[in-house]
C-alpha cells in the first residue's frame, strides 16, 4: 500500500501543502472534513507575510475540522506558528492535534476549539485504506500545483468525546501542494468525488488557470487500477450558494445529480453533499466543492477571514507533549 505523502516534505517559501480527508456514513446523515495545512493557503496572515520576501510556510499551519452531523455544524481552523508544529515523514502535529500514518492506517487525533462560538472538538478518526493512487496530477500547464488522491477510498471509524459522536463509514483522502499562492495561478475550480460500486471512486476536476485553457478531467480508481481522462461533457447547474457562488457538476448519461444540503458556505468557498441517482436505480452520495479565487483575493473577503481563521497569541506556544511522537 502506498503510504501517505510524507508530512515533512519540503514546502517552498510562499508555497503550501495540504492533506485532506472527508468521510460520510452510509446514509449521508453524518459527515466530516479534516485538512492539515503547512502554509495555509487561505490564511490572511500568510497572505500578508508573502508580500515580504521569505514567508516560511511552517509559520502558517493549521488543522481545519468541519463536522456535519444531521442538523448540525462545527468548525475550527486555528492557525499556529513553527514552535507549535512538529513534522516527520509519518507524523504531523499542529498544536494539540495530529495526523499519523502507522503503516496500516491514518490516525487523526483532534483537540481544537470551534469558532465563532467556543466549543471543544476532541477525539480520534482512523482511516483504513481500501484503494490507493501513487501519481501526482498537475492542475495547470506549468506544473506549479499538483494533486494526488492517495487513498481514493477507505473505511473510517469516528470516535469523538466532544461532542459525543461515534459512527463508521467511508472516506476519501487526497494531497495538494504548490509553489505559490492559489489565487496567483487560478481563477476558480469545481471539484467532486463520489464512491461508486465495486470500491470504485470517481473524482472530477474543473479548474480554470489564469491565462490558459480550463483543466477538466475525471480520475476513476478501483482495486484493479486507475484511468485518467479529459472531461468534455456538459456540466449541470446545482444552484448558487447564499454568497452567490455558482455550483456546477459534471453530467453524464444515466446519472442525475442533485443537491442534498450545503455543508460549508462562505464568500469564496462552499462544500456540499450531493445525491447522484444512477440509471441502475442506485443513489450514491458525493462531496462537491466550489472555490472562487477571484473572490478570495478581494480585500473585503480578506477582512472577514480572521473571524473564521484565528491566530491568537497562544497559538505560537511550544507543541504540547501529548502531540509529539
Protein backbone atom coordinates (compact mmCIF):
# COMPACT_ATOMS: atom_id res chain seq x y z
CA UNK A 1 0.00 0.00 0.00
CA UNK A 2 1.40 3.38 -0.99
CA UNK A 3 1.91 5.45 2.18
CA UNK A 4 0.60 8.91 2.87
CA UNK A 5 2.69 11.64 1.12
CA UNK A 6 5.43 12.49 3.66
CA UNK A 7 4.41 15.10 6.20
CA UNK A 8 7.94 16.51 6.31
CA UNK A 9 8.37 17.15 2.60
CA UNK A 10 9.90 20.49 1.68
CA UNK A 11 7.47 23.33 1.03
CA UNK A 12 8.94 26.36 -0.77
CA UNK A 13 8.69 29.89 0.55
CA UNK A 14 5.22 31.20 -0.30
CA UNK A 15 4.04 27.67 -1.20
CA UNK A 16 1.79 25.17 0.53
CA UNK A 17 0.97 21.53 1.15
CA UNK A 18 -2.25 20.06 2.49
CA UNK A 19 -3.52 16.60 3.49
CA UNK A 20 -7.29 16.30 3.09
CA UNK A 21 -9.77 13.73 4.45
CA UNK A 22 -13.52 13.67 4.05
CA UNK A 23 -15.92 10.96 5.22
CA UNK A 24 -19.63 10.10 5.16
CA UNK A 25 -21.72 7.44 6.80
CA UNK A 26 -23.78 5.07 4.63
CA UNK A 27 -26.92 7.21 4.80
CA UNK A 28 -25.18 10.53 4.25
CA UNK A 29 -26.57 11.84 7.53
CA UNK A 30 -23.17 12.34 9.17
CA UNK A 31 -20.00 13.66 7.58
CA UNK A 32 -16.72 15.40 8.26
CA UNK A 33 -13.76 17.02 6.54
CA UNK A 34 -10.27 17.48 8.02
CA UNK A 35 -7.34 19.27 6.38
CA UNK A 36 -3.80 19.58 7.66
CA UNK A 37 -2.16 22.70 6.19
CA UNK A 38 1.53 23.56 6.01
CA UNK A 39 1.41 27.03 4.51
CA UNK A 40 -2.32 27.66 4.96
CA UNK A 41 -3.48 28.75 1.50
CA UNK A 42 -6.48 30.69 2.82
CA UNK A 43 -4.70 32.39 5.71
CA UNK A 44 -4.91 36.21 5.73
CA UNK A 45 -1.74 36.22 7.88
CA UNK A 46 0.20 34.15 5.34
CA UNK A 47 -1.08 36.39 2.53
CA UNK A 48 0.25 39.44 4.39
CA UNK A 49 3.61 37.75 5.05
CA UNK A 50 4.01 36.81 1.38
CA UNK A 51 4.10 40.49 0.48
CA UNK A 52 7.50 40.47 2.14
CA UNK A 53 10.29 38.18 0.96
CA UNK A 54 10.88 34.87 2.68
CA UNK A 55 7.44 33.89 4.05
CA UNK A 56 8.04 30.49 5.70
CA UNK A 57 5.02 28.18 5.27
CA UNK A 58 5.84 26.34 8.53
CA UNK A 59 4.97 29.55 10.39
CA UNK A 60 1.41 29.35 9.00
CA UNK A 61 0.00 25.92 9.79
CA UNK A 62 -3.44 24.71 10.85
CA UNK A 63 -5.65 21.67 11.14
CA UNK A 64 -9.08 22.56 9.82
CA UNK A 65 -12.01 20.48 11.07
CA UNK A 66 -15.58 20.58 9.79
CA UNK A 67 -18.14 18.28 11.44
CA UNK A 68 -21.52 17.75 9.79
CA UNK A 69 -23.91 15.78 11.99
CA UNK A 70 -27.53 15.65 10.87
CA UNK A 71 -28.88 19.12 11.57
CA UNK A 72 -25.61 20.45 12.97
CA UNK A 73 -22.29 22.08 12.10
CA UNK A 74 -18.95 22.56 13.89
CA UNK A 75 -15.90 24.39 12.51
CA UNK A 76 -12.38 25.08 13.69
CA UNK A 77 -9.25 26.39 11.94
CA UNK A 78 -6.80 27.88 14.42
CA UNK A 79 -3.51 28.90 12.83
CA UNK A 80 -0.22 28.14 14.59
CA UNK A 81 3.45 29.04 14.11
CA UNK A 82 6.60 26.92 13.87
CA UNK A 83 7.00 26.44 17.64
CA UNK A 84 3.66 24.61 17.66
CA UNK A 85 4.47 22.34 14.71
CA UNK A 86 6.27 19.01 14.55
CA UNK A 87 6.84 17.08 11.31
CA UNK A 88 8.35 13.76 10.31
CA UNK A 89 7.71 11.56 7.29
CA UNK A 90 4.83 9.82 9.09
CA UNK A 91 3.67 12.41 11.61
CA UNK A 92 2.27 15.95 11.53
CA UNK A 93 1.42 17.69 14.82
CA UNK A 94 -0.03 21.20 14.79
CA UNK A 95 -0.82 22.41 18.29
CA UNK A 96 -2.68 19.69 20.23
CA UNK A 97 -3.93 17.91 17.08
CA UNK A 98 -2.04 15.48 14.88
CA UNK A 99 -2.10 13.19 11.84
CA UNK A 100 -0.08 9.97 12.00
CA UNK A 101 0.48 7.16 9.47
CA UNK A 102 1.39 3.96 11.32
CA UNK A 103 1.95 1.79 8.24
CA UNK A 104 -1.58 0.38 8.25
CA UNK A 105 -3.98 3.27 8.79
CA UNK A 106 -4.07 7.03 9.18
CA UNK A 107 -4.78 8.15 12.74
CA UNK A 108 -6.10 11.68 13.27
CA UNK A 109 -6.28 13.00 16.83
CA UNK A 110 -8.21 16.23 17.25
CA UNK A 111 -8.26 18.65 20.20
CA UNK A 112 -9.49 22.04 18.99
CA UNK A 113 -11.85 24.90 19.88
CA UNK A 114 -14.56 25.94 17.44
CA UNK A 115 -15.28 29.45 16.16
CA UNK A 116 -17.14 31.74 16.43
CA UNK A 117 -18.80 30.05 19.44
CA UNK A 118 -16.08 28.35 21.52
CA UNK A 119 -16.79 24.63 21.90
CA UNK A 120 -14.29 21.80 22.14
CA UNK A 121 -13.78 19.18 19.44
CA UNK A 122 -11.85 16.22 20.81
CA UNK A 123 -11.44 12.63 19.67
CA UNK A 124 -9.93 10.35 17.05
CA UNK A 125 -10.56 9.33 13.47
CA UNK A 126 -8.98 6.23 11.95
CA UNK A 127 -8.80 5.88 8.17
CA UNK A 128 -8.17 2.37 6.77
CA UNK A 129 -7.26 2.50 3.04
CA UNK A 130 -9.03 0.26 0.53
CA UNK A 131 -7.56 1.71 -2.68
CA UNK A 132 -4.55 3.89 -3.40
CA UNK A 133 -3.14 6.09 -6.16
CA UNK A 134 0.57 6.88 -6.36
CA UNK A 135 0.72 9.51 -9.11
CA UNK A 136 0.73 13.30 -8.93
CA UNK A 137 -1.58 15.09 -11.37
CA UNK A 138 -0.70 18.66 -12.47
CA UNK A 139 -3.60 21.10 -12.16
CA UNK A 140 -2.25 23.77 -14.54
CA UNK A 141 0.17 23.80 -17.53
CA UNK A 142 3.26 24.97 -15.63
CA UNK A 143 3.00 22.17 -13.08
CA UNK A 144 3.29 24.56 -10.11
CA UNK A 145 0.27 22.95 -8.43
CA UNK A 146 -0.24 19.20 -8.03
CA UNK A 147 -2.91 16.84 -6.70
CA UNK A 148 -2.79 13.22 -5.61
CA UNK A 149 -5.69 11.21 -4.13
CA UNK A 150 -3.52 8.95 -2.02
CA UNK A 151 -6.48 6.93 -0.64
CA UNK A 152 -9.43 7.40 -3.03
CA UNK A 153 -11.48 5.01 -0.90
CA UNK A 154 -11.11 3.96 2.71
CA UNK A 155 -13.09 2.75 5.69
CA UNK A 156 -13.36 5.24 8.54
CA UNK A 157 -14.03 5.00 12.29
CA UNK A 158 -15.07 8.21 14.04
CA UNK A 159 -14.89 8.32 17.85
CA UNK A 160 -15.27 11.78 19.37
CA UNK A 161 -15.78 12.53 23.04
CA UNK A 162 -16.60 16.22 22.45
CA UNK A 163 -19.12 16.33 21.01
CA UNK A 164 -20.20 12.75 21.71
CA UNK A 165 -20.21 11.27 18.22
CA UNK A 166 -19.44 7.74 17.02
CA UNK A 167 -20.02 6.27 13.59
CA UNK A 168 -18.45 4.33 10.75
CA UNK A 169 -18.48 4.97 7.04
CA UNK A 170 -16.26 5.52 4.02
CA UNK A 171 -13.58 8.15 3.47
CA UNK A 172 -11.61 9.82 0.72
CA UNK A 173 -8.08 11.25 1.19
CA UNK A 174 -6.01 13.47 -1.09
CA UNK A 175 -2.97 15.72 -1.11
CA UNK A 176 -2.26 19.04 -2.82
CA UNK A 177 0.90 21.09 -3.00
CA UNK A 178 2.03 24.19 -4.82
CA UNK A 179 4.95 26.53 -5.34
CA UNK A 180 2.95 29.71 -4.80
CA UNK A 181 -0.45 31.17 -3.88
CA UNK A 182 -3.51 29.52 -5.42
CA UNK A 183 -5.01 32.89 -6.32
CA UNK A 184 -1.94 33.77 -8.41
CA UNK A 185 -2.50 30.85 -10.78
CA UNK A 186 -6.23 30.03 -10.68
CA UNK A 187 -9.47 31.97 -11.12
CA UNK A 188 -11.75 29.22 -9.81
CA UNK A 189 -12.39 25.49 -9.69
CA UNK A 190 -15.13 22.92 -9.10
CA UNK A 191 -14.39 19.50 -7.65
CA UNK A 192 -16.50 16.41 -6.95
CA UNK A 193 -15.73 12.97 -5.56
CA UNK A 194 -18.14 10.01 -5.46
CA UNK A 195 -17.76 6.44 -4.21
CA UNK A 196 -19.27 4.03 -6.73
CA UNK A 197 -19.84 0.30 -6.91
CA UNK A 198 -17.02 -2.29 -6.60
CA UNK A 199 -14.90 0.00 -4.40
CA UNK A 200 -14.52 2.47 -7.29
CA UNK A 201 -14.09 6.20 -6.76
CA UNK A 202 -14.66 8.89 -9.38
CA UNK A 203 -13.17 12.38 -8.98
CA UNK A 204 -13.96 15.27 -11.33
CA UNK A 205 -11.89 18.44 -11.53
CA UNK A 206 -12.85 21.53 -13.49
CA UNK A 207 -10.15 24.14 -12.88
CA UNK A 208 -9.63 27.48 -14.60
CA UNK A 209 -5.96 28.51 -14.57
CA UNK A 210 -5.21 32.16 -15.15
CA UNK A 211 -4.09 32.91 -18.70
CA UNK A 212 -4.71 29.42 -20.05
CA UNK A 213 -7.34 26.85 -21.04
CA UNK A 214 -9.53 25.16 -18.46
CA UNK A 215 -8.30 21.88 -16.98
CA UNK A 216 -11.22 19.45 -16.83
CA UNK A 217 -10.65 15.76 -16.17
CA UNK A 218 -12.00 12.66 -14.44
CA UNK A 219 -10.00 10.16 -12.45
CA UNK A 220 -11.55 6.75 -11.76
CA UNK A 221 -9.78 4.41 -9.32
CA UNK A 222 -10.74 0.91 -8.20
CA UNK A 223 -8.92 -2.14 -6.92
CA UNK A 224 -7.73 -3.07 -10.42
CA UNK A 225 -6.17 0.26 -11.35
CA UNK A 226 -6.94 3.81 -12.46
CA UNK A 227 -7.95 5.76 -15.56
CA UNK A 228 -7.39 9.49 -16.05
CA UNK A 229 -9.25 11.14 -18.92
CA UNK A 230 -10.18 14.59 -20.16
CA UNK A 231 -13.75 15.54 -19.32
CA UNK A 232 -15.57 17.31 -22.13
CA UNK A 233 -19.20 16.58 -21.27
CA UNK A 234 -21.69 19.19 -20.16
CA UNK A 235 -21.93 20.49 -16.62
CA UNK A 236 -25.15 20.64 -14.61
CA UNK A 237 -26.10 23.69 -12.54
CA UNK A 238 -26.67 22.97 -8.85
CA UNK A 239 -27.85 26.44 -7.88
CA UNK A 240 -25.94 29.29 -6.31
CA UNK A 241 -24.93 29.41 -2.67
CA UNK A 242 -26.16 32.02 -0.18
CA UNK A 243 -23.00 34.00 -1.04
CA UNK A 244 -23.78 33.84 -4.75
CA UNK A 245 -21.17 31.24 -5.76
CA UNK A 246 -22.08 29.14 -8.79
CA UNK A 247 -22.07 25.38 -8.30
CA UNK A 248 -21.80 23.03 -11.28
CA UNK A 249 -21.12 19.32 -11.56
CA UNK A 250 -20.07 17.13 -14.49
CA UNK A 251 -23.10 15.40 -16.02
CA UNK A 252 -23.11 12.04 -17.78
CA UNK A 253 -25.81 9.90 -19.38
CA UNK A 254 -27.85 7.91 -16.90
CA UNK A 255 -26.92 10.00 -13.87
CA UNK A 256 -28.98 12.70 -12.21
CA UNK A 257 -27.04 14.84 -9.69
CA UNK A 258 -28.97 16.81 -7.08
CA UNK A 259 -28.09 18.95 -4.10
CA UNK A 260 -28.95 17.37 -0.75
CA UNK A 261 -27.55 20.03 1.59
CA UNK A 262 -24.84 22.58 1.97
CA UNK A 263 -22.05 21.66 4.38
CA UNK A 264 -19.97 24.85 4.25
CA UNK A 265 -20.86 28.19 2.73
CA UNK A 266 -18.60 31.25 2.66
CA UNK A 267 -17.86 34.22 0.44
CA UNK A 268 -15.31 32.34 -1.70
CA UNK A 269 -15.77 28.63 -0.88
CA UNK A 270 -18.58 26.09 -0.50
CA UNK A 271 -18.73 22.38 0.29
CA UNK A 272 -21.91 20.47 -0.49
CA UNK A 273 -23.41 16.99 -0.20
CA UNK A 274 -24.88 15.66 -3.44
CA UNK A 275 -27.02 12.67 -4.33
CA UNK A 276 -26.38 11.12 -7.74
CA UNK A 277 -29.25 8.96 -8.97
CA UNK A 278 -27.82 6.37 -11.33
CA UNK A 279 -29.63 4.60 -14.18
CA UNK A 280 -29.34 1.21 -12.46
CA UNK A 281 -31.51 2.56 -9.65
CA UNK A 282 -28.83 3.14 -7.04
CA UNK A 283 -28.13 6.53 -5.46
CA UNK A 284 -24.61 7.41 -4.41
CA UNK A 285 -23.52 10.30 -2.23
CA UNK A 286 -20.87 12.73 -3.43
CA UNK A 287 -18.92 15.60 -1.89
CA UNK A 288 -18.70 18.74 -4.03
CA UNK A 289 -16.55 21.85 -3.64
CA UNK A 290 -16.57 25.17 -5.42
CA UNK A 291 -13.74 27.67 -4.95
CA UNK A 292 -13.54 31.21 -6.33
CA UNK A 293 -10.00 32.55 -6.11
CA UNK A 294 -11.14 35.86 -7.65
CA UNK A 295 -13.50 36.29 -4.70
CA UNK A 296 -10.85 35.13 -2.22
CA UNK A 297 -8.44 37.82 -3.46
CA UNK A 298 -10.99 40.60 -2.87
CA UNK A 299 -9.93 42.91 0.01
CA UNK A 300 -13.36 42.79 1.66
CA UNK A 301 -13.14 38.99 1.89
CA UNK A 302 -9.67 39.12 3.48
CA UNK A 303 -11.05 41.33 6.26
CA UNK A 304 -13.60 38.63 7.19
CA UNK A 305 -11.21 35.69 7.36
CA UNK A 306 -9.73 36.25 10.87
CA UNK A 307 -13.17 35.58 12.34
CA UNK A 308 -13.06 32.04 10.88
CA UNK A 309 -9.29 31.51 10.98
CA UNK A 310 -7.97 32.95 14.26
CA UNK A 311 -4.28 33.22 15.10
CA UNK A 312 -4.30 34.09 18.83
CA UNK A 313 -1.03 34.80 20.69
CA UNK A 314 -1.14 31.45 22.50
CA UNK A 315 -1.14 29.64 19.14
CA UNK A 316 2.63 30.22 18.93
CA UNK A 317 3.25 28.27 22.16
CA UNK A 318 5.54 25.22 22.06
CA UNK A 319 3.96 21.96 20.94
CA UNK A 320 2.16 20.09 23.75
CA UNK A 321 3.94 16.90 24.79
CA UNK A 322 0.83 14.82 24.04
CA UNK A 323 1.02 15.73 20.33
CA UNK A 324 4.67 14.69 19.93
CA UNK A 325 5.82 11.35 18.51
